[in-house]
Protein backbone atom coordinates (compact mmCIF):
# COMPACT_ATOMS: atom_id res chain seq x y z
CA MET A 1 124.72 25.30 -2.10
CA MET A 2 127.43 21.58 -0.17
CA GLU A 3 127.44 21.51 -4.13
CA ASP A 4 128.15 24.47 -5.09
CA ILE A 5 131.23 25.00 -2.62
CA GLN A 6 132.81 21.70 -3.11
CA ALA A 7 132.95 23.29 -6.79
CA ALA A 8 134.73 26.75 -5.84
CA ILE A 9 137.31 25.37 -3.45
CA PRO A 10 138.93 23.58 -6.20
CA LEU A 11 139.17 26.79 -8.23
CA GLY A 12 139.81 29.11 -5.54
CA PHE A 13 143.14 27.07 -5.13
CA LEU A 14 144.25 26.60 -8.35
CA LEU A 15 143.63 30.50 -8.50
CA ALA A 16 146.08 31.12 -5.42
CA PHE A 17 149.06 29.26 -7.38
CA MET A 18 148.58 31.58 -10.90
CA VAL A 19 152.05 32.75 -11.17
CA GLY A 20 151.80 36.20 -11.96
CA PRO A 21 152.88 39.81 -9.89
CA VAL A 22 150.83 39.60 -7.57
CA PHE A 23 152.17 35.78 -6.23
CA PHE A 24 156.08 37.15 -6.94
CA VAL A 25 155.50 39.83 -4.81
CA LEU A 26 152.67 38.14 -1.87
CA LEU A 27 156.44 36.07 -1.49
CA GLU A 28 158.65 38.36 -1.05
CA THR A 29 156.26 41.19 1.11
CA ALA A 30 155.45 37.74 3.69
CA ALA A 31 159.18 36.83 3.92
CA THR A 32 161.39 40.08 4.14
CA LYS A 33 158.26 41.55 6.08
CA GLY A 34 156.71 39.41 8.18
CA PHE A 35 153.32 37.30 8.01
CA ARG A 36 151.04 40.37 9.00
CA ALA A 37 152.49 42.40 6.44
CA GLY A 38 152.17 40.00 3.85
CA LEU A 39 147.99 39.21 4.98
CA ALA A 40 147.53 43.01 4.28
CA LEU A 41 148.87 43.00 1.10
CA ASP A 42 146.85 39.74 -0.20
CA LEU A 43 143.57 41.67 1.97
CA GLY A 44 144.43 44.72 -1.04
CA VAL A 45 144.30 41.37 -4.12
CA VAL A 46 141.27 40.11 -2.80
CA LEU A 47 139.68 43.62 -2.10
CA ALA A 48 140.15 43.87 -5.93
CA ASP A 49 139.14 40.56 -7.03
CA ILE A 50 135.80 41.64 -5.32
CA LEU A 51 135.24 44.61 -7.22
CA PHE A 52 135.92 43.14 -9.98
CA LEU A 53 133.33 40.05 -9.77
CA VAL A 54 131.01 42.97 -8.53
CA ILE A 55 131.54 44.75 -12.05
CA ALA A 56 131.77 41.40 -13.61
CA TYR A 57 128.18 40.25 -12.66
CA PHE A 58 126.26 43.43 -12.84
CA SER A 59 127.83 43.91 -16.91
CA SER A 60 127.40 41.65 -19.04
CA PHE A 61 128.94 39.53 -23.18
CA GLN A 62 128.73 42.71 -24.35
CA LEU A 63 131.44 44.03 -22.19
CA LEU A 64 133.89 41.56 -22.72
CA GLU A 65 134.07 42.33 -25.95
CA ASN A 66 134.38 46.21 -25.32
CA LEU A 67 137.49 45.31 -22.95
CA SER A 68 138.69 43.17 -25.86
CA ASN A 69 138.87 46.01 -28.50
CA GLN A 70 140.24 48.52 -26.01
CA PRO A 71 143.85 47.77 -25.89
CA GLY A 72 144.91 50.81 -24.63
CA LEU A 73 144.04 49.71 -21.33
CA TYR A 74 146.19 46.72 -21.15
CA VAL A 75 149.03 48.64 -22.57
CA PHE A 76 148.46 51.05 -19.25
CA GLY A 77 148.71 48.41 -17.10
CA GLY A 78 151.34 47.04 -18.70
CA VAL A 79 153.25 50.32 -18.39
CA ILE A 80 152.92 50.18 -15.10
CA LEU A 81 153.75 46.95 -13.93
CA LEU A 82 157.16 47.64 -16.34
CA VAL A 83 157.89 50.55 -13.94
CA TYR A 84 157.32 49.60 -11.29
CA GLY A 85 159.11 46.27 -11.92
CA LEU A 86 162.60 49.00 -13.70
CA THR A 87 161.73 50.35 -10.33
CA THR A 88 162.14 47.57 -7.86
CA VAL A 89 165.75 46.42 -9.98
CA PHE A 90 167.62 49.87 -9.74
CA ARG A 91 166.32 49.61 -5.96
CA SER A 92 167.04 46.90 -4.49
CA ASP A 93 170.57 47.30 -2.81
CA PHE A 94 170.24 47.70 1.12
CA LYS A 95 173.86 48.82 1.48
CA GLY A 96 173.76 47.67 5.09
CA LYS A 97 169.95 48.47 6.07
CA GLU A 98 168.36 44.98 7.30
CA PRO A 99 164.68 43.80 6.27
CA ARG A 100 162.52 45.94 8.62
CA ILE A 101 159.33 44.21 9.78
CA VAL A 102 156.13 46.71 10.17
CA THR A 103 154.78 47.66 13.00
CA LYS A 104 152.65 50.50 12.12
CA GLY A 105 149.02 50.79 11.29
CA SER A 106 150.06 53.41 7.73
CA ASP A 107 152.08 50.57 6.63
CA TYR A 108 149.70 47.52 6.95
CA LEU A 109 147.79 50.57 5.19
CA GLY A 110 149.83 51.12 2.46
CA LEU A 111 150.78 47.24 1.66
CA PHE A 112 146.88 46.73 1.81
CA VAL A 113 146.62 49.56 -1.06
CA LYS A 114 149.23 48.37 -2.51
CA GLY A 115 148.13 44.79 -3.30
CA PHE A 116 144.32 46.37 -4.13
CA LEU A 117 146.06 48.14 -6.70
CA LEU A 118 148.55 45.87 -8.27
CA ASN A 119 145.88 43.68 -8.94
CA PHE A 120 143.35 46.47 -9.83
CA ILE A 121 145.69 48.00 -12.51
CA ASN A 122 145.54 44.54 -14.80
CA ILE A 123 142.80 44.26 -16.60
CA GLY A 124 143.21 40.90 -17.86
CA VAL A 125 141.65 40.35 -13.60
CA LEU A 126 138.81 41.83 -14.74
CA VAL A 127 138.45 40.05 -18.17
CA PHE A 128 139.35 36.56 -15.91
CA TRP A 129 136.50 36.66 -13.70
CA LEU A 130 133.63 38.52 -16.49
CA GLY A 131 134.31 34.84 -18.37
CA ILE A 132 134.30 32.55 -15.34
CA ILE A 133 131.18 34.03 -14.67
CA ILE A 134 129.78 33.35 -18.42
CA ILE A 135 131.01 29.67 -18.06
CA VAL A 136 130.18 29.39 -14.42
CA GLY A 137 126.47 31.21 -14.21
CA PRO A 138 124.33 29.00 -16.54
CA SER A 139 125.23 25.92 -14.03
CA LEU A 140 124.51 28.17 -11.24
CA ASP A 141 120.97 28.68 -13.22
CA ASN A 142 122.03 32.78 -12.73
CA GLN A 143 120.40 32.30 -9.25
CA PRO A 144 122.48 35.53 -7.21
CA ASP A 145 122.23 33.13 -4.28
CA ARG A 146 123.77 30.82 -5.70
CA ILE A 147 126.34 33.02 -7.39
CA ILE A 148 127.29 34.72 -4.27
CA THR A 149 127.60 31.39 -2.57
CA PHE A 150 130.13 30.15 -5.11
CA PHE A 151 132.39 32.85 -5.28
CA SER A 152 132.83 33.17 -1.72
CA ALA A 153 133.64 29.81 -1.20
CA MET A 154 136.36 30.27 -4.09
CA LEU A 155 137.78 33.30 -2.87
CA GLY A 156 137.87 32.01 0.64
CA ALA A 157 139.85 29.41 -0.53
CA TYR A 158 141.84 31.19 -2.10
CA LEU A 159 142.45 33.57 0.55
CA THR A 160 143.45 30.35 3.09
CA THR A 161 145.75 29.28 0.32
CA ASP A 162 147.61 32.59 0.63
CA ILE A 163 147.93 32.77 3.74
CA LEU A 164 149.54 29.46 4.41
CA LYS A 165 152.17 30.77 1.44
CA ILE A 166 152.53 33.61 3.69
CA LEU A 167 153.48 31.31 6.41
CA LEU A 168 155.99 28.93 4.79
CA ALA A 169 157.88 32.12 3.28
CA LYS A 170 157.47 33.54 6.58
CA GLN A 171 160.05 30.64 7.65
CA LEU A 172 162.23 31.65 5.05
CA ARG A 173 163.40 35.27 6.83
CA LYS A 174 165.90 33.43 9.22
CA LYS A 175 167.91 32.58 5.98
CA LEU A 176 167.29 35.91 4.34
CA THR A 177 171.02 37.48 4.26
CA ARG A 178 171.31 41.61 2.84
CA GLU A 179 172.59 40.30 -0.43
CA ARG A 180 169.83 37.64 -0.70
CA ILE A 181 166.91 39.97 -0.05
CA GLY A 182 169.15 42.10 -2.91
CA MET A 183 168.65 39.34 -5.27
CA VAL A 184 164.99 38.27 -4.42
CA LYS A 185 163.83 41.76 -5.11
CA LYS A 186 166.13 41.88 -8.57
CA ILE A 187 164.13 39.13 -9.09
CA LEU A 188 161.01 39.81 -8.19
CA GLY A 189 161.40 43.76 -10.64
CA VAL A 190 162.62 40.92 -13.68
CA VAL A 191 159.33 39.44 -12.96
CA LEU A 192 156.93 42.71 -13.09
CA ILE A 193 159.38 43.46 -16.15
CA ILE A 194 157.94 40.44 -18.18
CA CYS A 195 154.51 40.79 -17.10
CA GLY A 196 155.04 44.55 -17.98
CA LEU A 197 155.64 43.91 -21.24
CA VAL A 198 153.40 40.43 -21.93
CA MET A 199 150.55 43.01 -20.98
CA ILE A 200 152.20 45.49 -23.33
CA VAL A 201 152.31 43.39 -26.66
CA LYS A 202 148.49 41.83 -25.56
CA GLY A 203 147.57 45.66 -26.10
CA PHE A 204 148.92 46.01 -30.01
CA LEU A 205 147.43 41.74 -30.89
CA PRO A 206 145.06 42.16 -33.09
CA LYS A 207 141.26 41.64 -31.77
CA ASP A 208 140.82 38.18 -32.09
CA LYS A 209 143.49 37.34 -29.95
CA LEU A 210 141.73 38.44 -27.55
CA SER A 211 138.88 36.30 -27.30
CA ILE A 212 136.31 35.18 -24.69
CA GLU A 213 137.98 31.78 -24.88
CA LYS A 214 141.62 33.27 -24.06
CA GLY A 215 140.47 36.04 -21.66
CA ILE A 216 140.22 33.77 -19.42
CA GLU A 217 143.64 32.85 -19.20
CA LEU A 218 144.77 36.40 -18.52
CA ILE A 219 144.42 36.70 -14.81
CA ASN A 220 147.81 38.15 -12.91
CA GLU A 221 149.99 37.74 -16.08
């Protein structure tokens, strides 16, 4: 069991540094709204990962192939990211307002839901987890207890690394003027637009371009 945990931790660490929309939104949220806000958003992201893991575990190789044959799912998620990115770009001016620290429970819930949806709309994340289970499962003898231990350790390492990222991002708050926050949001919006366009393009690629081997590279793109 310890060997499974030791193998999972480096993967969780690398997963936390996979560059995608969630990566940038998390840092921006922590820097502008504080630690608790960043954590609430991140917990929503992790919940989406857990849901995808459950779906992946109870599905099969055939589901992965079916997803590859449904380009509309990529286009749908890409359009949502594209619209979200455009909205972020055009609403990035603060016009005299200071960044607000989140204090209300409803705000935390909203950030939690935002994190969940931001991760959930990316079908590439599900493809990634399906690919990981297909690759890792045999090495764990497909034993449920070992699989649960492995992915629990992986997500635990991922969440721990994200907490460290949130703490580091929070330290930047003192240096964030209104103008700089506006610039950060515009950069974030551009990143989301690019990620959305990439997903849309993937939706129009030939089916052989969405093979299992390449599917595990689709996380948070």
